[in-house]
């Protein structure tokens, strides 16, 4: 899903230069993941069988 990191050093340099956008991105991804898990669990719960 979130596989757009080209090199291991890229996230470090992004964090160093753009601290706030990085935090916002991390929070957005985290929130999206939590929502995705919640929706998946809800889907599983409502699925018959």
C-alpha atoms as a PDB file:
ATOM      1  CA  UNK A   1       0.000   0.000   0.000  1.00  0.00           C
ATOM      2  CA  UNK A   2       2.396   2.765   1.141  1.00  0.00           C
ATOM      3  CA  UNK A   3       5.363   1.604  -0.937  1.00  0.00           C
ATOM      4  CA  UNK A   4       6.520   4.879  -2.495  1.00  0.00           C
ATOM      5  CA  UNK A   5       9.766   5.078  -0.481  1.00  0.00           C
ATOM      6  CA  UNK A   6      12.591   4.780  -2.996  1.00  0.00           C
ATOM      7  CA  UNK A   7      15.568   4.605  -0.634  1.00  0.00           C
ATOM      8  CA  UNK A   8      16.042   4.039   3.124  1.00  0.00           C
ATOM      9  CA  UNK A   9      17.594   7.507   3.510  1.00  0.00           C
ATOM     10  CA  UNK A  10      14.654   9.331   1.952  1.00  0.00           C
ATOM     11  CA  UNK A  11      12.328   9.409   5.007  1.00  0.00           C
ATOM     12  CA  UNK A  12      15.165  10.742   7.197  1.00  0.00           C
ATOM     13  CA  UNK A  13      15.933  13.667   4.889  1.00  0.00           C
ATOM     14  CA  UNK A  14      12.220  14.417   4.490  1.00  0.00           C
ATOM     15  CA  UNK A  15      11.824  14.454   8.285  1.00  0.00           C
ATOM     16  CA  UNK A  16      14.865  16.719   8.651  1.00  0.00           C
ATOM     17  CA  UNK A  17      13.702  19.290   6.092  1.00  0.00           C
ATOM     18  CA  UNK A  18       9.933  19.121   6.525  1.00  0.00           C
ATOM     19  CA  UNK A  19       9.151  18.227  10.122  1.00  0.00           C
ATOM     20  CA  UNK A  20       5.569  19.482  10.264  1.00  0.00           C
ATOM     21  CA  UNK A  21       4.339  18.067   6.911  1.00  0.00           C
ATOM     22  CA  UNK A  22       5.940  14.762   7.907  1.00  0.00           C
ATOM     23  CA  UNK A  23       4.026  14.712  11.198  1.00  0.00           C
ATOM     24  CA  UNK A  24       0.782  15.591   9.407  1.00  0.00           C
ATOM     25  CA  UNK A  25       1.414  12.872   6.822  1.00  0.00           C
ATOM     26  CA  UNK A  26       2.189  10.317   9.525  1.00  0.00           C
ATOM     27  CA  UNK A  27      -0.974  11.230  11.438  1.00  0.00           C
ATOM     28  CA  UNK A  28      -3.055  11.086   8.254  1.00  0.00           C
ATOM     29  CA  UNK A  29      -1.656   7.683   7.300  1.00  0.00           C
ATOM     30  CA  UNK A  30      -2.140   6.420  10.859  1.00  0.00           C
ATOM     31  CA  UNK A  31      -5.725   7.677  11.005  1.00  0.00           C
ATOM     32  CA  UNK A  32      -6.444   6.200   7.573  1.00  0.00           C
ATOM     33  CA  UNK A  33      -5.007   2.853   8.654  1.00  0.00           C
ATOM     34  CA  UNK A  34      -7.137   2.851  11.813  1.00  0.00           C
ATOM     35  CA  UNK A  35     -10.247   3.664   9.780  1.00  0.00           C
ATOM     36  CA  UNK A  36      -9.367   0.987   7.250  1.00  0.00           C
ATOM     37  CA  UNK A  37      -8.976  -1.608  10.010  1.00  0.00           C
ATOM     38  CA  UNK A  38     -12.228  -0.489  11.625  1.00  0.00           C
ATOM     39  CA  UNK A  39     -14.109  -0.723   8.324  1.00  0.00           C
ATOM     40  CA  UNK A  40     -12.582  -4.132   7.618  1.00  0.00           C
ATOM     41  CA  UNK A  41     -13.554  -5.414  11.064  1.00  0.00           C
ATOM     42  CA  UNK A  42     -17.071  -4.045  10.616  1.00  0.00           C
ATOM     43  CA  UNK A  43     -17.259  -5.709   7.216  1.00  0.00           C
ATOM     44  CA  UNK A  44     -16.152  -9.031   8.700  1.00  0.00           C
ATOM     45  CA  UNK A  45     -18.589  -8.719  11.601  1.00  0.00           C
ATOM     46  CA  UNK A  46     -21.541  -8.096   9.309  1.00  0.00           C
ATOM     47  CA  UNK A  47     -20.623 -10.797   6.814  1.00  0.00           C
ATOM     48  CA  UNK A  48     -22.824 -13.914   7.252  1.00  0.00           C
ATOM     49  CA  UNK A  49     -21.072 -17.104   8.289  1.00  0.00           C
END
